[in-house]
C-alpha atoms as a PDB file:
ATOM      1  CA  MET A   1      83.009  79.726  83.979  1.00  0.00           C
ATOM      2  CA  ALA A   2      84.274  83.036  85.203  1.00  0.00           C
ATOM      3  CA  TYR A   3      88.094  84.171  84.743  1.00  0.00           C
ATOM      4  CA  ARG A   4      89.320  84.529  87.953  1.00  0.00           C
ATOM      5  CA  VAL A   5      91.962  87.114  88.912  1.00  0.00           C
ATOM      6  CA  CYS A   6      93.625  87.594  92.611  1.00  0.00           C
ATOM      7  CA  PHE A   7      95.952  89.936  93.440  1.00  0.00           C
ATOM      8  CA  VAL A   8      98.391  89.203  96.106  1.00  0.00           C
ATOM      9  CA  CYS A   9     100.695  91.694  98.281  1.00  0.00           C
ATOM     10  CA  THR A  10     102.341  91.282 101.828  1.00  0.00           C
ATOM     11  CA  GLY A  11      99.241  91.569 104.234  1.00  0.00           C
ATOM     12  CA  ASN A  12      96.300  91.922 101.938  1.00  0.00           C
ATOM     13  CA  ILE A  13      95.455  95.622 103.361  1.00  0.00           C
ATOM     14  CA  CYS A  14      97.112  98.072 101.027  1.00  0.00           C
ATOM     15  CA  ARG A  15      98.208  97.366  97.451  1.00  0.00           C
ATOM     16  CA  SER A  16      96.455  94.191  96.741  1.00  0.00           C
ATOM     17  CA  PRO A  17      92.951  95.322  97.893  1.00  0.00           C
ATOM     18  CA  MET A  18      93.600  98.761  96.184  1.00  0.00           C
ATOM     19  CA  ALA A  19      94.465  96.777  92.846  1.00  0.00           C
ATOM     20  CA  GLU A  20      91.358  94.777  93.325  1.00  0.00           C
ATOM     21  CA  SER A  21      89.000  97.983  93.869  1.00  0.00           C
ATOM     22  CA  VAL A  22      90.450  99.135  90.652  1.00  0.00           C
ATOM     23  CA  LEU A  23      90.243  96.113  88.370  1.00  0.00           C
ATOM     24  CA  ARG A  24      86.812  95.599  89.660  1.00  0.00           C
ATOM     25  CA  ALA A  25      85.734  98.950  88.562  1.00  0.00           C
ATOM     26  CA  ARG A  26      87.503  98.464  85.015  1.00  0.00           C
ATOM     27  CA  VAL A  27      85.632  95.256  84.651  1.00  0.00           C
ATOM     28  CA  ALA A  28      82.070  96.847  85.603  1.00  0.00           C
ATOM     29  CA  GLU A  29      82.666  99.507  83.170  1.00  0.00           C
ATOM     30  CA  ALA A  30      83.465  97.360  80.473  1.00  0.00           C
ATOM     31  CA  GLY A  31      80.262  95.240  81.108  1.00  0.00           C
ATOM     32  CA  LEU A  32      82.170  92.077  82.042  1.00  0.00           C
ATOM     33  CA  GLU A  33      80.940  91.434  85.615  1.00  0.00           C
ATOM     34  CA  ASP A  34      79.633  88.344  84.438  1.00  0.00           C
ATOM     35  CA  LEU A  35      82.450  86.796  83.192  1.00  0.00           C
ATOM     36  CA  VAL A  36      85.335  87.963  85.340  1.00  0.00           C
ATOM     37  CA  GLU A  37      85.733  87.677  89.529  1.00  0.00           C
ATOM     38  CA  VAL A  38      88.487  89.678  91.074  1.00  0.00           C
ATOM     39  CA  ASP A  39      89.607  89.159  94.639  1.00  0.00           C
ATOM     40  CA  SER A  40      92.738  89.549  96.529  1.00  0.00           C
ATOM     41  CA  ALA A  41      94.860  87.916  99.307  1.00  0.00           C
ATOM     42  CA  GLY A  42      98.251  88.176 101.269  1.00  0.00           C
ATOM     43  CA  THR A  43     101.453  86.080 101.193  1.00  0.00           C
ATOM     44  CA  GLY A  44     101.211  86.519 105.282  1.00  0.00           C
ATOM     45  CA  GLY A  45      98.230  86.048 107.674  1.00  0.00           C
ATOM     46  CA  TRP A  46      99.146  88.897 109.696  1.00  0.00           C
ATOM     47  CA  HIS A  47      96.035  90.791 109.086  1.00  0.00           C
ATOM     48  CA  GLU A  48      93.712  88.152 108.247  1.00  0.00           C
ATOM     49  CA  GLY A  49      90.009  89.495 109.085  1.00  0.00           C
ATOM     50  CA  ASP A  50      91.308  93.165 109.046  1.00  0.00           C
ATOM     51  CA  GLY A  51      89.812  95.834 106.703  1.00  0.00           C
ATOM     52  CA  ALA A  52      91.877  97.631 104.294  1.00  0.00           C
ATOM     53  CA  ASP A  53      93.980 100.146 105.728  1.00  0.00           C
ATOM     54  CA  PRO A  54      92.436 103.311 106.451  1.00  0.00           C
ATOM     55  CA  ARG A  55      94.529 105.169 104.134  1.00  0.00           C
ATOM     56  CA  THR A  56      93.824 102.820 101.123  1.00  0.00           C
ATOM     57  CA  VAL A  57      90.120 103.343 101.900  1.00  0.00           C
ATOM     58  CA  ALA A  58      90.537 106.884 101.926  1.00  0.00           C
ATOM     59  CA  VAL A  59      92.584 107.150  98.615  1.00  0.00           C
ATOM     60  CA  LEU A  60      90.232 104.695  96.984  1.00  0.00           C
ATOM     61  CA  GLU A  61      87.270 106.673  98.090  1.00  0.00           C
ATOM     62  CA  GLU A  62      88.581 109.783  96.907  1.00  0.00           C
ATOM     63  CA  HIS A  63      88.985 108.691  93.559  1.00  0.00           C
ATOM     64  CA  GLY A  64      85.556 107.174  93.489  1.00  0.00           C
ATOM     65  CA  TYR A  65      86.378 103.454  94.110  1.00  0.00           C
ATOM     66  CA  SER A  66      84.753 101.033  96.917  1.00  0.00           C
ATOM     67  CA  GLY A  67      86.841 100.266  99.142  1.00  0.00           C
ATOM     68  CA  GLY A  68      85.045  97.019 101.217  1.00  0.00           C
ATOM     69  CA  HIS A  69      87.541  94.428 102.080  1.00  0.00           C
ATOM     70  CA  THR A  70      88.545  91.555 104.494  1.00  0.00           C
ATOM     71  CA  ALA A  71      92.100  90.657 104.579  1.00  0.00           C
ATOM     72  CA  ARG A  72      93.211  86.917 104.023  1.00  0.00           C
ATOM     73  CA  GLN A  73      96.249  84.999 103.253  1.00  0.00           C
ATOM     74  CA  PHE A  74      96.650  83.458  99.642  1.00  0.00           C
ATOM     75  CA  GLN A  75      96.715  79.442  99.956  1.00  0.00           C
ATOM     76  CA  ALA A  76      98.271  77.124  97.481  1.00  0.00           C
ATOM     77  CA  SER A  77      94.999  75.199  96.867  1.00  0.00           C
ATOM     78  CA  TRP A  78      93.667  78.420  95.607  1.00  0.00           C
ATOM     79  CA  PHE A  79      95.668  78.367  92.311  1.00  0.00           C
ATOM     80  CA  ALA A  80      93.282  75.357  90.973  1.00  0.00           C
ATOM     81  CA  GLY A  81      90.550  78.159  91.077  1.00  0.00           C
ATOM     82  CA  ARG A  82      92.309  81.164  89.709  1.00  0.00           C
ATOM     83  CA  ASP A  83      93.218  81.831  86.118  1.00  0.00           C
ATOM     84  CA  LEU A  84      95.757  84.948  87.050  1.00  0.00           C
ATOM     85  CA  VAL A  85      97.559  85.619  89.846  1.00  0.00           C
ATOM     86  CA  VAL A  86      99.023  89.085  90.099  1.00  0.00           C
ATOM     87  CA  ALA A  87     101.771  89.929  92.265  1.00  0.00           C
ATOM     88  CA  LEU A  88     102.602  93.530  93.354  1.00  0.00           C
ATOM     89  CA  ASP A  89     106.300  92.875  93.842  1.00  0.00           C
ATOM     90  CA  SER A  90     109.216  90.853  92.777  1.00  0.00           C
ATOM     91  CA  GLY A  91     109.144  89.174  96.266  1.00  0.00           C
ATOM     92  CA  HIS A  92     105.438  88.274  96.281  1.00  0.00           C
ATOM     93  CA  LEU A  93     106.072  86.696  92.494  1.00  0.00           C
ATOM     94  CA  LYS A  94     108.901  84.797  94.104  1.00  0.00           C
ATOM     95  CA  ALA A  95     106.929  83.714  96.973  1.00  0.00           C
ATOM     96  CA  LEU A  96     103.879  82.665  94.807  1.00  0.00           C
ATOM     97  CA  ARG A  97     105.822  80.762  92.401  1.00  0.00           C
ATOM     98  CA  ARG A  98     107.536  78.868  95.168  1.00  0.00           C
ATOM     99  CA  LEU A  99     104.027  78.027  96.617  1.00  0.00           C
ATOM    100  CA  ALA A 100     102.523  76.736  93.341  1.00  0.00           C
ATOM    101  CA  PRO A 101     101.885  73.242  93.351  1.00  0.00           C
ATOM    102  CA  THR A 102     102.783  72.938  89.525  1.00  0.00           C
ATOM    103  CA  GLU A 103     104.527  74.582  86.877  1.00  0.00           C
ATOM    104  CA  GLU A 104     101.400  75.526  85.305  1.00  0.00           C
ATOM    105  CA  ASP A 105     100.211  76.899  88.427  1.00  0.00           C
ATOM    106  CA  ALA A 106     103.629  79.128  88.504  1.00  0.00           C
ATOM    107  CA  ARG A 107     103.016  80.351  85.102  1.00  0.00           C
ATOM    108  CA  LYS A 108      99.830  81.823  86.271  1.00  0.00           C
ATOM    109  CA  VAL A 109     101.723  84.539  88.314  1.00  0.00           C
ATOM    110  CA  ARG A 110     102.569  87.773  86.838  1.00  0.00           C
ATOM    111  CA  LEU A 111     103.648  91.100  87.948  1.00  0.00           C
ATOM    112  CA  LEU A 112     101.121  93.711  87.922  1.00  0.00           C
ATOM    113  CA  ARG A 113     103.328  96.589  86.537  1.00  0.00           C
ATOM    114  CA  SER A 114     104.277  94.100  83.574  1.00  0.00           C
ATOM    115  CA  TYR A 115     100.816  95.222  82.043  1.00  0.00           C
ATOM    116  CA  ASP A 116     101.919  98.819  82.168  1.00  0.00           C
ATOM    117  CA  PRO A 117     103.507  99.689  78.944  1.00  0.00           C
ATOM    118  CA  THR A 118     105.015 102.865  80.407  1.00  0.00           C
ATOM    119  CA  ALA A 119     106.613 101.161  83.301  1.00  0.00           C
ATOM    120  CA  ALA A 120     110.675 101.338  83.312  1.00  0.00           C
ATOM    121  CA  ASP A 121     112.762  98.549  84.575  1.00  0.00           C
ATOM    122  CA  ASP A 122     111.676  98.458  88.045  1.00  0.00           C
ATOM    123  CA  LEU A 123     108.231  96.641  88.046  1.00  0.00           C
ATOM    124  CA  ASP A 124     107.505  96.721  91.766  1.00  0.00           C
ATOM    125  CA  VAL A 125     104.546  98.565  93.388  1.00  0.00           C
ATOM    126  CA  PRO A 126     106.376 100.008  96.640  1.00  0.00           C
ATOM    127  CA  ASP A 127     104.619  99.084  99.884  1.00  0.00           C
ATOM    128  CA  PRO A 128     103.075 102.388 101.343  1.00  0.00           C
ATOM    129  CA  TYR A 129     102.505 101.038 104.650  1.00  0.00           C
ATOM    130  CA  TYR A 130     105.060 102.664 106.600  1.00  0.00           C
ATOM    131  CA  GLY A 131     104.665 105.951 104.886  1.00  0.00           C
ATOM    132  CA  GLY A 132     102.403 108.875 104.467  1.00  0.00           C
ATOM    133  CA  LEU A 133      99.297 108.995 102.422  1.00  0.00           C
ATOM    134  CA  ASP A 134     101.438 110.074  99.426  1.00  0.00           C
ATOM    135  CA  GLY A 135     102.944 106.703  99.019  1.00  0.00           C
ATOM    136  CA  PHE A 136      99.197 105.113  98.944  1.00  0.00           C
ATOM    137  CA  GLN A 137      98.541 108.215  96.099  1.00  0.00           C
ATOM    138  CA  GLU A 138     101.527 106.884  94.160  1.00  0.00           C
ATOM    139  CA  CYS A 139     100.276 103.256  94.313  1.00  0.00           C
ATOM    140  CA  LEU A 140      96.866 103.931  93.269  1.00  0.00           C
ATOM    141  CA  GLU A 141      98.468 105.830  90.216  1.00  0.00           C
ATOM    142  CA  MET A 142     100.927 102.616  89.472  1.00  0.00           C
ATOM    143  CA  VAL A 143      97.686 100.402  89.771  1.00  0.00           C
ATOM    144  CA  GLU A 144      95.412 102.608  87.470  1.00  0.00           C
ATOM    145  CA  ALA A 145      98.330 102.487  84.834  1.00  0.00           C
ATOM    146  CA  ALA A 146      98.610  98.908  84.792  1.00  0.00           C
ATOM    147  CA  SER A 147      94.921  98.255  84.922  1.00  0.00           C
ATOM    148  CA  GLU A 148      94.000  98.954  81.364  1.00  0.00           C
ATOM    149  CA  GLY A 149      96.851  96.560  80.164  1.00  0.00           C
ATOM    150  CA  LEU A 150      95.547  93.983  82.524  1.00  0.00           C
ATOM    151  CA  LEU A 151      92.248  94.303  81.255  1.00  0.00           C
ATOM    152  CA  ALA A 152      93.193  94.057  77.808  1.00  0.00           C
ATOM    153  CA  ALA A 153      94.874  90.863  78.876  1.00  0.00           C
ATOM    154  CA  VAL A 154      91.861  89.471  80.695  1.00  0.00           C
ATOM    155  CA  ARG A 155      89.737  90.290  77.296  1.00  0.00           C
ATOM    156  CA  GLU A 156      92.197  88.218  75.185  1.00  0.00           C
ATOM    157  CA  HIS A 157      91.873  85.309  77.529  1.00  0.00           C
ATOM    158  CA  LEU A 158      87.834  85.764  77.215  1.00  0.00           C
ATOM    159  CA  GLU A 159      87.987  86.015  73.523  1.00  0.00           C
ATOM    160  CA  GLY A 160      90.284  82.985  73.245  1.00  0.00           C
ATOM    161  CA  ARG A 161      87.762  80.837  75.227  1.00  0.00           C
ATOM    162  CA  ALA A 162      85.140  81.809  73.114  1.00  0.00           C
ATOM    163  CA  ALA A 163      86.766  80.767  70.006  1.00  0.00           C
END
């Protein structure tokens, strides 16, 4: 059974699809595509059915990532099918933990930047939606910085399952 990771931001058009694309690329580079599934969602359904923000797509493509995506809203029932739910900021973390049906499900929720050993006290990835392209670039840099640590944590879980 695959290890399933879901990234969650507000509307699922900026930060979480960016994180999904980056981790999916890291998983492929590591040869783990058959063992790890990656998806994303939003805490709200405002953009359900929409593609990723064009600025997200532009920044991803500029850095060699694929940007195909359709926004959707995270549902409480999804906790049963996910091993790890990665929040992009502390507001998402709180909302997801409140939504979790059980304490075990609530423990599946982590902040993305908690996987970045160089991150300071502020572990939020700022929402770039209301700013310019530079905010999307900054978002990608934060996501990439955390992706190696996240991939290492996923590998640990996979090795633990095999043991």
